[in-house]
C-alpha cells in the first residue's frame, strides 16, 4: 500500500489583475507558508467560496450556470496541445532569405 496518495487535478492558466499591494501580499503570504503564489490564490478563493453562505445558495440555482465568463483563460501549453506542422518556405523565399541583401 503506498504511503502517499497523489490526486491529479486539471488546472488551467488564467490571467488576472491585482493591485500592487495585493500582489505583494500574495507573494509575502506564499513565502510565509512555503508555497507558491498560485497555491495561495487557489486556496484563498476556495476558502472564501466555501464560507460564503449566500454564494453557496446561488450555486444551487439554475442562474449559476448562466453566468458568462469574464476570466481570461490562456490556451493550453505547447506540451499539452498538438504542435502545428512547420511551414515550408517557397523556393523564392528561400533564395531571398539565404542571399545577403544588396545595397543600391
PDB file of N, CA and C in Angstrom:
ATOM      1  N   UNK A   1       0.846  -1.178   0.000  1.00  0.00           N
ATOM      2  CA  UNK A   1       0.000   0.000   0.000  1.00  0.00           C
ATOM      3  C   UNK A   1       0.893   1.243   0.000  1.00  0.00           C
ATOM      4  N   UNK A   2       0.648   2.195  -0.926  1.00  0.00           N
ATOM      5  CA  UNK A   2       1.503   3.392  -0.994  1.00  0.00           C
ATOM      6  C   UNK A   2       1.322   4.289   0.230  1.00  0.00           C
ATOM      7  N   UNK A   3       2.389   4.968   0.590  1.00  0.00           N
ATOM      8  CA  UNK A   3       2.332   5.902   1.703  1.00  0.00           C
ATOM      9  C   UNK A   3       1.703   7.232   1.313  1.00  0.00           C
ATOM     10  N   UNK A   4       1.811   7.585   0.039  1.00  0.00           N
ATOM     11  CA  UNK A   4       1.268   8.846  -0.446  1.00  0.00           C
ATOM     12  C   UNK A   4       0.152   8.593  -1.443  1.00  0.00           C
ATOM     13  N   UNK A   5      -0.845   9.433  -1.391  1.00  0.00           N
ATOM     14  CA  UNK A   5      -1.905   9.396  -2.388  1.00  0.00           C
ATOM     15  C   UNK A   5      -1.853  10.701  -3.164  1.00  0.00           C
ATOM     16  N   UNK A   6      -1.555  10.601  -4.450  1.00  0.00           N
ATOM     17  CA  UNK A   6      -1.449  11.783  -5.296  1.00  0.00           C
ATOM     18  C   UNK A   6      -2.759  11.938  -6.057  1.00  0.00           C
ATOM     19  N   UNK A   7      -3.390  13.082  -5.856  1.00  0.00           N
ATOM     20  CA  UNK A   7      -4.635  13.387  -6.546  1.00  0.00           C
ATOM     21  C   UNK A   7      -4.311  14.350  -7.668  1.00  0.00           C
ATOM     22  N   UNK A   8      -4.537  13.911  -8.899  1.00  0.00           N
ATOM     23  CA  UNK A   8      -4.267  14.769 -10.041  1.00  0.00           C
ATOM     24  C   UNK A   8      -5.511  15.573 -10.353  1.00  0.00           C
ATOM     25  N   UNK A   9      -5.322  16.874 -10.505  1.00  0.00           N
ATOM     26  CA  UNK A   9      -6.429  17.747 -10.848  1.00  0.00           C
ATOM     27  C   UNK A   9      -6.116  18.459 -12.157  1.00  0.00           C
ATOM     28  N   UNK A  10      -7.150  18.801 -12.865  1.00  0.00           N
ATOM     29  CA  UNK A  10      -6.988  19.544 -14.112  1.00  0.00           C
ATOM     30  C   UNK A  10      -6.821  21.006 -13.760  1.00  0.00           C
ATOM     31  N   UNK A  11      -5.763  21.600 -14.234  1.00  0.00           N
ATOM     32  CA  UNK A  11      -5.523  23.011 -13.983  1.00  0.00           C
ATOM     33  C   UNK A  11      -5.482  23.772 -15.295  1.00  0.00           C
ATOM     34  N   UNK A  12      -5.889  25.027 -15.230  1.00  0.00           N
ATOM     35  CA  UNK A  12      -5.821  25.912 -16.379  1.00  0.00           C
ATOM     36  C   UNK A  12      -4.990  27.123 -15.991  1.00  0.00           C
ATOM     37  N   UNK A  13      -4.524  27.839 -16.967  1.00  0.00           N
ATOM     38  CA  UNK A  13      -3.825  29.100 -16.715  1.00  0.00           C
ATOM     39  C   UNK A  13      -4.773  30.232 -17.066  1.00  0.00           C
ATOM     40  N   UNK A  14      -4.816  31.208 -16.173  1.00  0.00           N
ATOM     41  CA  UNK A  14      -5.684  32.357 -16.399  1.00  0.00           C
ATOM     42  C   UNK A  14      -4.918  33.610 -16.025  1.00  0.00           C
ATOM     43  N   UNK A  15      -5.294  34.694 -16.627  1.00  0.00           N
ATOM     44  CA  UNK A  15      -4.656  35.972 -16.360  1.00  0.00           C
ATOM     45  C   UNK A  15      -5.601  36.839 -15.544  1.00  0.00           C
ATOM     46  N   UNK A  16      -5.106  37.355 -14.419  1.00  0.00           N
ATOM     47  CA  UNK A  16      -5.899  38.257 -13.593  1.00  0.00           C
ATOM     48  C   UNK A  16      -5.062  39.486 -13.269  1.00  0.00           C
ATOM     49  N   UNK A  17      -5.738  40.553 -12.905  1.00  0.00           N
ATOM     50  CA  UNK A  17      -5.040  41.773 -12.493  1.00  0.00           C
ATOM     51  C   UNK A  17      -5.244  41.967 -11.003  1.00  0.00           C
ATOM     52  N   UNK A  18      -4.173  42.353 -10.308  1.00  0.00           N
ATOM     53  CA  UNK A  18      -4.211  42.640  -8.882  1.00  0.00           C
ATOM     54  C   UNK A  18      -3.599  44.007  -8.648  1.00  0.00           C
ATOM     55  N   UNK A  19      -3.980  44.631  -7.558  1.00  0.00           N
ATOM     56  CA  UNK A  19      -3.294  45.866  -7.187  1.00  0.00           C
ATOM     57  C   UNK A  19      -1.883  45.513  -6.738  1.00  0.00           C
ATOM     58  N   UNK A  20      -1.001  46.499  -6.748  1.00  0.00           N
ATOM     59  CA  UNK A  20       0.373  46.268  -6.297  1.00  0.00           C
ATOM     60  C   UNK A  20       0.404  45.701  -4.882  1.00  0.00           C
ATOM     61  N   UNK A  21      -0.419  46.258  -4.018  1.00  0.00           N
ATOM     62  CA  UNK A  21      -0.450  45.826  -2.614  1.00  0.00           C
ATOM     63  C   UNK A  21      -0.882  44.378  -2.491  1.00  0.00           C
ATOM     64  N   UNK A  22      -1.936  44.004  -3.198  1.00  0.00           N
ATOM     65  CA  UNK A  22      -2.425  42.628  -3.128  1.00  0.00           C
ATOM     66  C   UNK A  22      -1.399  41.657  -3.694  1.00  0.00           C
ATOM     67  N   UNK A  23      -0.784  42.003  -4.815  1.00  0.00           N
ATOM     68  CA  UNK A  23       0.228  41.132  -5.412  1.00  0.00           C
ATOM     69  C   UNK A  23       1.401  40.924  -4.454  1.00  0.00           C
ATOM     70  N   UNK A  24       1.822  41.991  -3.798  1.00  0.00           N
ATOM     71  CA  UNK A  24       2.917  41.889  -2.827  1.00  0.00           C
ATOM     72  C   UNK A  24       2.514  40.992  -1.666  1.00  0.00           C
ATOM     73  N   UNK A  25       1.287  41.165  -1.184  1.00  0.00           N
ATOM     74  CA  UNK A  25       0.832  40.349  -0.064  1.00  0.00           C
ATOM     75  C   UNK A  25       0.672  38.882  -0.451  1.00  0.00           C
ATOM     76  N   UNK A  26       0.274  38.600  -1.679  1.00  0.00           N
ATOM     77  CA  UNK A  26       0.204  37.205  -2.140  1.00  0.00           C
ATOM     78  C   UNK A  26       1.599  36.593  -2.092  1.00  0.00           C
ATOM     79  N   UNK A  27       2.591  37.316  -2.598  1.00  0.00           N
ATOM     80  CA  UNK A  27       3.970  36.827  -2.546  1.00  0.00           C
ATOM     81  C   UNK A  27       4.452  36.647  -1.110  1.00  0.00           C
ATOM     82  N   UNK A  28       4.134  37.606  -0.246  1.00  0.00           N
ATOM     83  CA  UNK A  28       4.550  37.522   1.152  1.00  0.00           C
ATOM     84  C   UNK A  28       3.884  36.347   1.858  1.00  0.00           C
ATOM     85  N   UNK A  29       2.612  36.139   1.583  1.00  0.00           N
ATOM     86  CA  UNK A  29       1.901  35.024   2.218  1.00  0.00           C
ATOM     87  C   UNK A  29       2.433  33.689   1.704  1.00  0.00           C
ATOM     88  N   UNK A  30       2.739  33.641   0.406  1.00  0.00           N
ATOM     89  CA  UNK A  30       3.311  32.419  -0.168  1.00  0.00           C
ATOM     90  C   UNK A  30       4.634  32.081   0.523  1.00  0.00           C
ATOM     91  N   UNK A  31       5.480  33.084   0.735  1.00  0.00           N
ATOM     92  CA  UNK A  31       6.746  32.847   1.436  1.00  0.00           C
ATOM     93  C   UNK A  31       6.492  32.431   2.883  1.00  0.00           C
ATOM     94  N   UNK A  32       5.503  33.035   3.506  1.00  0.00           N
ATOM     95  CA  UNK A  32       5.152  32.741   4.889  1.00  0.00           C
ATOM     96  C   UNK A  32       4.750  31.277   5.078  1.00  0.00           C
ATOM     97  N   UNK A  33       3.999  30.710   4.124  1.00  0.00           N
ATOM     98  CA  UNK A  33       3.537  29.322   4.254  1.00  0.00           C
ATOM     99  C   UNK A  33       4.343  28.342   3.398  1.00  0.00           C
ATOM    100  N   UNK A  34       5.445  28.806   2.817  1.00  0.00           N
ATOM    101  CA  UNK A  34       6.316  27.964   1.993  1.00  0.00           C
ATOM    102  C   UNK A  34       5.527  27.330   0.848  1.00  0.00           C
ATOM    103  N   UNK A  35       4.828  28.162   0.091  1.00  0.00           N
ATOM    104  CA  UNK A  35       4.031  27.708  -1.045  1.00  0.00           C
ATOM    105  C   UNK A  35       4.274  28.654  -2.210  1.00  0.00           C
ATOM    106  N   UNK A  36       3.663  28.355  -3.334  1.00  0.00           N
ATOM    107  CA  UNK A  36       3.777  29.264  -4.475  1.00  0.00           C
ATOM    108  C   UNK A  36       2.551  30.177  -4.504  1.00  0.00           C
ATOM    109  N   UNK A  37       2.676  31.279  -5.209  1.00  0.00           N
ATOM    110  CA  UNK A  37       1.592  32.267  -5.295  1.00  0.00           C
ATOM    111  C   UNK A  37       0.321  31.650  -5.875  1.00  0.00           C
ATOM    112  N   UNK A  38       0.457  30.750  -6.840  1.00  0.00           N
ATOM    113  CA  UNK A  38      -0.714  30.094  -7.423  1.00  0.00           C
ATOM    114  C   UNK A  38      -1.514  29.356  -6.354  1.00  0.00           C
ATOM    115  N   UNK A  39      -0.812  28.646  -5.466  1.00  0.00           N
ATOM    116  CA  UNK A  39      -1.489  27.901  -4.404  1.00  0.00           C
ATOM    117  C   UNK A  39      -2.189  28.838  -3.425  1.00  0.00           C
ATOM    118  N   UNK A  40      -1.568  29.977  -3.129  1.00  0.00           N
ATOM    119  CA  UNK A  40      -2.191  30.953  -2.221  1.00  0.00           C
ATOM    120  C   UNK A  40      -3.502  31.444  -2.815  1.00  0.00           C
ATOM    121  N   UNK A  41      -3.492  31.840  -4.074  1.00  0.00           N
ATOM    122  CA  UNK A  41      -4.705  32.351  -4.717  1.00  0.00           C
ATOM    123  C   UNK A  41      -5.767  31.250  -4.782  1.00  0.00           C
ATOM    124  N   UNK A  42      -5.370  30.049  -5.195  1.00  0.00           N
ATOM    125  CA  UNK A  42      -6.300  28.916  -5.291  1.00  0.00           C
ATOM    126  C   UNK A  42      -6.962  28.626  -3.950  1.00  0.00           C
ATOM    127  N   UNK A  43      -6.159  28.502  -2.911  1.00  0.00           N
ATOM    128  CA  UNK A  43      -6.696  28.152  -1.599  1.00  0.00           C
ATOM    129  C   UNK A  43      -7.510  29.288  -0.983  1.00  0.00           C
ATOM    130  N   UNK A  44      -7.085  30.524  -1.201  1.00  0.00           N
ATOM    131  CA  UNK A  44      -7.832  31.665  -0.666  1.00  0.00           C
ATOM    132  C   UNK A  44      -9.222  31.742  -1.301  1.00  0.00           C
ATOM    133  N   UNK A  45      -9.275  31.560  -2.615  1.00  0.00           N
ATOM    134  CA  UNK A  45     -10.570  31.598  -3.285  1.00  0.00           C
ATOM    135  C   UNK A  45     -11.450  30.421  -2.857  1.00  0.00           C
ATOM    136  N   UNK A  46     -10.872  29.230  -2.763  1.00  0.00           N
ATOM    137  CA  UNK A  46     -11.639  28.064  -2.317  1.00  0.00           C
ATOM    138  C   UNK A  46     -12.200  28.297  -0.912  1.00  0.00           C
ATOM    139  N   UNK A  47     -11.410  28.918  -0.044  1.00  0.00           N
ATOM    140  CA  UNK A  47     -11.856  29.219   1.321  1.00  0.00           C
ATOM    141  C   UNK A  47     -13.029  30.204   1.315  1.00  0.00           C
ATOM    142  N   UNK A  48     -12.887  31.282   0.570  1.00  0.00           N
ATOM    143  CA  UNK A  48     -13.963  32.287   0.507  1.00  0.00           C
ATOM    144  C   UNK A  48     -15.229  31.670  -0.066  1.00  0.00           C
ATOM    145  N   UNK A  49     -15.097  30.910  -1.156  1.00  0.00           N
ATOM    146  CA  UNK A  49     -16.267  30.302  -1.785  1.00  0.00           C
ATOM    147  C   UNK A  49     -16.985  29.362  -0.815  1.00  0.00           C
ATOM    148  N   UNK A  50     -16.219  28.588  -0.051  1.00  0.00           N
ATOM    149  CA  UNK A  50     -16.838  27.622   0.862  1.00  0.00           C
ATOM    150  C   UNK A  50     -17.492  28.288   2.069  1.00  0.00           C
ATOM    151  N   UNK A  51     -17.001  29.446   2.499  1.00  0.00           N
ATOM    152  CA  UNK A  51     -17.525  30.124   3.689  1.00  0.00           C
ATOM    153  C   UNK A  51     -18.680  31.073   3.398  1.00  0.00           C
ATOM    154  N   UNK A  52     -18.852  31.481   2.160  1.00  0.00           N
ATOM    155  CA  UNK A  52     -19.901  32.441   1.805  1.00  0.00           C
ATOM    156  C   UNK A  52     -21.215  31.684   1.586  1.00  0.00           C
ATOM    157  N   UNK A  53     -22.104  31.749   2.576  1.00  0.00           N
ATOM    158  CA  UNK A  53     -23.368  31.008   2.520  1.00  0.00           C
ATOM    159  C   UNK A  53     -24.272  31.495   1.383  1.00  0.00           C
ATOM    160  N   UNK A  54     -24.315  32.789   1.156  1.00  0.00           N
ATOM    161  CA  UNK A  54     -25.139  33.307   0.059  1.00  0.00           C
ATOM    162  C   UNK A  54     -24.644  32.786  -1.292  1.00  0.00           C
ATOM    163  N   UNK A  55     -23.328  32.710  -1.442  1.00  0.00           N
ATOM    164  CA  UNK A  55     -22.765  32.186  -2.687  1.00  0.00           C
ATOM    165  C   UNK A  55     -23.086  30.703  -2.830  1.00  0.00           C
ATOM    166  N   UNK A  56     -23.001  29.949  -1.737  1.00  0.00           N
ATOM    167  CA  UNK A  56     -23.340  28.523  -1.783  1.00  0.00           C
ATOM    168  C   UNK A  56     -24.804  28.328  -2.184  1.00  0.00           C
ATOM    169  N   UNK A  57     -25.677  29.206  -1.701  1.00  0.00           N
ATOM    170  CA  UNK A  57     -27.091  29.145  -2.093  1.00  0.00           C
ATOM    171  C   UNK A  57     -27.260  29.455  -3.580  1.00  0.00           C
ATOM    172  N   UNK A  58     -26.519  30.445  -4.079  1.00  0.00           N
ATOM    173  CA  UNK A  58     -26.581  30.793  -5.504  1.00  0.00           C
ATOM    174  C   UNK A  58     -26.153  29.608  -6.372  1.00  0.00           C
ATOM    175  N   UNK A  59     -25.121  28.886  -5.950  1.00  0.00           N
ATOM    176  CA  UNK A  59     -24.626  27.759  -6.738  1.00  0.00           C
ATOM    177  C   UNK A  59     -25.674  26.662  -6.915  1.00  0.00           C
ATOM    178  N   UNK A  60     -26.657  26.611  -6.062  1.00  0.00           N
ATOM    179  CA  UNK A  60     -27.714  25.598  -6.138  1.00  0.00           C
ATOM    180  C   UNK A  60     -28.833  25.992  -7.090  1.00  0.00           C
ATOM    181  N   UNK A  61     -28.773  27.195  -7.643  1.00  0.00           N
ATOM    182  CA  UNK A  61     -29.833  27.676  -8.528  1.00  0.00           C
ATOM    183  C   UNK A  61     -29.420  27.525  -9.998  1.00  0.00           C
ATOM    184  N   UNK A  62     -30.403  27.483 -10.899  1.00  0.00           N
ATOM    185  CA  UNK A  62     -30.085  27.415 -12.333  1.00  0.00           C
ATOM    186  C   UNK A  62     -29.351  28.661 -12.841  1.00  0.00           C
ATOM    187  N   UNK A  63     -29.533  29.805 -12.174  1.00  0.00           N
ATOM    188  CA  UNK A  63     -28.867  31.039 -12.597  1.00  0.00           C
ATOM    189  C   UNK A  63     -27.342  30.925 -12.519  1.00  0.00           C
ATOM    190  N   UNK A  64     -26.840  30.086 -11.654  1.00  0.00           N
ATOM    191  CA  UNK A  64     -25.393  29.936 -11.500  1.00  0.00           C
ATOM    192  C   UNK A  64     -24.745  29.433 -12.788  1.00  0.00           C
ATOM    193  N   UNK A  65     -25.478  28.637 -13.552  1.00  0.00           N
ATOM    194  CA  UNK A  65     -24.933  28.102 -14.810  1.00  0.00           C
ATOM    195  C   UNK A  65     -25.002  29.112 -15.950  1.00  0.00           C
ATOM    196  N   UNK A  66     -25.767  30.178 -15.765  1.00  0.00           N
ATOM    197  CA  UNK A  66     -25.971  31.155 -16.833  1.00  0.00           C
ATOM    198  C   UNK A  66     -24.995  32.320 -16.778  1.00  0.00           C
ATOM    199  N   UNK A  67     -24.100  32.326 -15.808  1.00  0.00           N
ATOM    200  CA  UNK A  67     -23.150  33.431 -15.657  1.00  0.00           C
ATOM    201  C   UNK A  67     -22.129  33.369 -16.785  1.00  0.00           C
ATOM    202  N   UNK A  68     -21.909  34.476 -17.463  1.00  0.00           N
ATOM    203  CA  UNK A  68     -20.917  34.495 -18.541  1.00  0.00           C
ATOM    204  C   UNK A  68     -19.519  34.675 -17.955  1.00  0.00           C
ATOM    205  N   UNK A  69     -18.569  34.027 -18.556  1.00  0.00           N
ATOM    206  CA  UNK A  69     -17.192  34.030 -18.068  1.00  0.00           C
ATOM    207  C   UNK A  69     -16.497  35.353 -18.377  1.00  0.00           C
ATOM    208  N   UNK A  70     -15.837  35.909 -17.387  1.00  0.00           N
ATOM    209  CA  UNK A  70     -15.023  37.105 -17.583  1.00  0.00           C
ATOM    210  C   UNK A  70     -13.550  36.815 -17.318  1.00  0.00           C
ATOM    211  N   UNK A  71     -13.247  35.586 -16.905  1.00  0.00           N
ATOM    212  CA  UNK A  71     -11.868  35.188 -16.633  1.00  0.00           C
ATOM    213  C   UNK A  71     -11.146  34.962 -17.952  1.00  0.00           C
ATOM    214  N   UNK A  72      -9.951  35.532 -18.075  1.00  0.00           N
ATOM    215  CA  UNK A  72      -9.158  35.386 -19.304  1.00  0.00           C
ATOM    216  C   UNK A  72      -8.328  34.113 -19.196  1.00  0.00           C
ATOM    217  N   UNK A  73      -8.818  33.052 -19.830  1.00  0.00           N
ATOM    218  CA  UNK A  73      -8.153  31.752 -19.769  1.00  0.00           C
ATOM    219  C   UNK A  73      -7.170  31.638 -20.921  1.00  0.00           C
ATOM    220  N   UNK A  74      -5.949  31.224 -20.592  1.00  0.00           N
ATOM    221  CA  UNK A  74      -4.920  31.042 -21.615  1.00  0.00           C
ATOM    222  C   UNK A  74      -5.072  29.674 -22.253  1.00  0.00           C
ATOM    223  N   UNK A  75      -4.617  29.569 -23.490  1.00  0.00           N
ATOM    224  CA  UNK A  75      -4.659  28.291 -24.187  1.00  0.00           C
ATOM    225  C   UNK A  75      -3.671  27.333 -23.541  1.00  0.00           C
ATOM    226  N   UNK A  76      -3.886  26.043 -23.762  1.00  0.00           N
ATOM    227  CA  UNK A  76      -3.036  25.012 -23.179  1.00  0.00           C
ATOM    228  C   UNK A  76      -1.592  25.194 -23.633  1.00  0.00           C
ATOM    229  N   UNK A  77      -0.627  24.876 -22.757  1.00  0.00           N
ATOM    230  CA  UNK A  77       0.780  24.968 -23.146  1.00  0.00           C
ATOM    231  C   UNK A  77       1.089  24.039 -24.320  1.00  0.00           C
ATOM    232  N   UNK A  78       2.177  24.305 -25.008  1.00  0.00           N
ATOM    233  CA  UNK A  78       2.555  23.539 -26.200  1.00  0.00           C
ATOM    234  C   UNK A  78       2.700  22.059 -25.899  1.00  0.00           C
ATOM    235  N   UNK A  79       3.112  21.702 -24.683  1.00  0.00           N
ATOM    236  CA  UNK A  79       3.298  20.297 -24.334  1.00  0.00           C
ATOM    237  C   UNK A  79       1.971  19.547 -24.331  1.00  0.00           C
ATOM    238  N   UNK A  80       0.877  20.239 -24.027  1.00  0.00           N
ATOM    239  CA  UNK A  80      -0.420  19.604 -23.987  1.00  0.00           C
ATOM    240  C   UNK A  80      -1.182  19.736 -25.302  1.00  0.00           C
ATOM    241  N   UNK A  81      -0.892  20.758 -26.063  1.00  0.00           N
ATOM    242  CA  UNK A  81      -1.582  20.987 -27.326  1.00  0.00           C
ATOM    243  C   UNK A  81      -0.767  20.363 -28.459  1.00  0.00           C
ATOM    244  N   UNK A  82      -1.444  19.874 -29.485  1.00  0.00           N
ATOM    245  CA  UNK A  82      -0.695  19.336 -30.616  1.00  0.00           C
ATOM    246  C   UNK A  82       0.116  20.433 -31.296  1.00  0.00           C
ATOM    247  N   UNK A  83       1.345  20.095 -31.673  1.00  0.00           N
ATOM    248  CA  UNK A  83       2.208  21.087 -32.315  1.00  0.00           C
ATOM    249  C   UNK A  83       1.801  21.271 -33.769  1.00  0.00           C
ATOM    250  N   UNK A  84       1.744  22.506 -34.230  1.00  0.00           N
ATOM    251  CA  UNK A  84       1.434  22.722 -35.640  1.00  0.00           C
ATOM    252  C   UNK A  84       2.623  22.289 -36.498  1.00  0.00           C
ATOM    253  N   UNK A  85       2.316  21.851 -37.692  1.00  0.00           N
ATOM    254  CA  UNK A  85       3.370  21.439 -38.616  1.00  0.00           C
ATOM    255  C   UNK A  85       4.136  22.671 -39.072  1.00  0.00           C
ATOM    256  N   UNK A  86       5.476  22.607 -39.116  1.00  0.00           N
ATOM    257  CA  UNK A  86       6.235  23.766 -39.599  1.00  0.00           C
ATOM    258  C   UNK A  86       5.932  24.005 -41.078  1.00  0.00           C
ATOM    259  N   UNK A  87       5.824  25.276 -41.438  1.00  0.00           N
ATOM    260  CA  UNK A  87       5.534  25.610 -42.828  1.00  0.00           C
ATOM    261  C   UNK A  87       6.831  25.684 -43.607  1.00  0.00           C
ATOM    262  N   UNK A  88       6.780  25.138 -44.823  1.00  0.00           N
ATOM    263  CA  UNK A  88       7.950  25.190 -45.695  1.00  0.00           C
ATOM    264  C   UNK A  88       7.958  26.518 -46.442  1.00  0.00           C
ATOM    265  N   UNK A  89       9.136  27.074 -46.625  1.00  0.00           N
ATOM    266  CA  UNK A  89       9.262  28.313 -47.381  1.00  0.00           C
ATOM    267  C   UNK A  89       9.179  28.025 -48.867  1.00  0.00           C
ATOM    268  N   UNK A  90       8.598  28.930 -49.604  1.00  0.00           N
ATOM    269  CA  UNK A  90       8.548  28.803 -51.059  1.00  0.00           C
ATOM    270  C   UNK A  90       9.960  28.991 -51.601  1.00  0.00           C
ATOM    271  N   UNK A  91      10.305  28.394 -52.749  1.00  0.00           N
ATOM    272  CA  UNK A  91      11.666  28.499 -53.292  1.00  0.00           C
ATOM    273  C   UNK A  91      12.153  29.938 -53.421  1.00  0.00           C
ATOM    274  N   UNK A  92      11.304  30.882 -53.833  1.00  0.00           N
ATOM    275  CA  UNK A  92      11.733  32.274 -53.972  1.00  0.00           C
ATOM    276  C   UNK A  92      12.052  32.858 -52.603  1.00  0.00           C
ATOM    277  N   UNK A  93      11.291  32.471 -51.602  1.00  0.00           N
ATOM    278  CA  UNK A  93      11.533  32.962 -50.248  1.00  0.00           C
ATOM    279  C   UNK A  93      12.839  32.417 -49.707  1.00  0.00           C
ATOM    280  N   UNK A  94      13.129  31.150 -50.018  1.00  0.00           N
ATOM    281  CA  UNK A  94      14.362  30.543 -49.545  1.00  0.00           C
ATOM    282  C   UNK A  94      15.557  31.259 -50.147  1.00  0.00           C
ATOM    283  N   UNK A  95      15.493  31.534 -51.454  1.00  0.00           N
ATOM    284  CA  UNK A  95      16.597  32.221 -52.124  1.00  0.00           C
ATOM    285  C   UNK A  95      16.782  33.625 -51.554  1.00  0.00           C
ATOM    286  N   UNK A  96      15.689  34.333 -51.301  1.00  0.00           N
ATOM    287  CA  UNK A  96      15.781  35.691 -50.765  1.00  0.00           C
ATOM    288  C   UNK A  96      16.301  35.665 -49.339  1.00  0.00           C
ATOM    289  N   UNK A  97      15.910  34.669 -48.577  1.00  0.00           N
ATOM    290  CA  UNK A  97      16.330  34.600 -47.175  1.00  0.00           C
ATOM    291  C   UNK A  97      17.792  34.181 -47.067  1.00  0.00           C
ATOM    292  N   UNK A  98      18.287  33.362 -47.991  1.00  0.00           N
ATOM    293  CA  UNK A  98      19.647  32.858 -47.869  1.00  0.00           C
ATOM    294  C   UNK A  98      20.695  33.778 -48.506  1.00  0.00           C
ATOM    295  N   UNK A  99      20.286  34.658 -49.426  1.00  0.00           N
ATOM    296  CA  UNK A  99      21.277  35.542 -50.042  1.00  0.00           C
ATOM    297  C   UNK A  99      21.272  36.882 -49.342  1.00  0.00           C
ATOM    298  N   UNK A 100      22.452  37.495 -49.146  1.00  0.00           N
ATOM    299  CA  UNK A 100      22.509  38.784 -48.479  1.00  0.00           C
ATOM    300  C   UNK A 100      21.863  39.866 -49.321  1.00  0.00           C
ATOM    301  N   UNK A 101      21.278  40.839 -48.661  1.00  0.00           N
ATOM    302  CA  UNK A 101      20.610  41.939 -49.370  1.00  0.00           C
ATOM    303  C   UNK A 101      21.660  42.812 -50.016  1.00  0.00           C
ATOM    304  N   UNK A 102      21.388  43.254 -51.217  1.00  0.00           N
ATOM    305  CA  UNK A 102      22.326  44.133 -51.925  1.00  0.00           C
ATOM    306  C   UNK A 102      21.907  45.563 -51.717  1.00  0.00           C
ATOM    307  N   UNK A 103      22.867  46.411 -51.494  1.00  0.00           N
ATOM    308  CA  UNK A 103      22.537  47.834 -51.330  1.00  0.00           C
ATOM    309  C   UNK A 103      22.728  48.547 -52.644  1.00  0.00           C
ATOM    310  N   UNK A 104      21.892  49.526 -52.926  1.00  0.00           N
ATOM    311  CA  UNK A 104      21.953  50.244 -54.204  1.00  0.00           C
ATOM    312  C   UNK A 104      22.905  51.402 -54.156  1.00  0.00           C
TER     313      UNK A 104
END
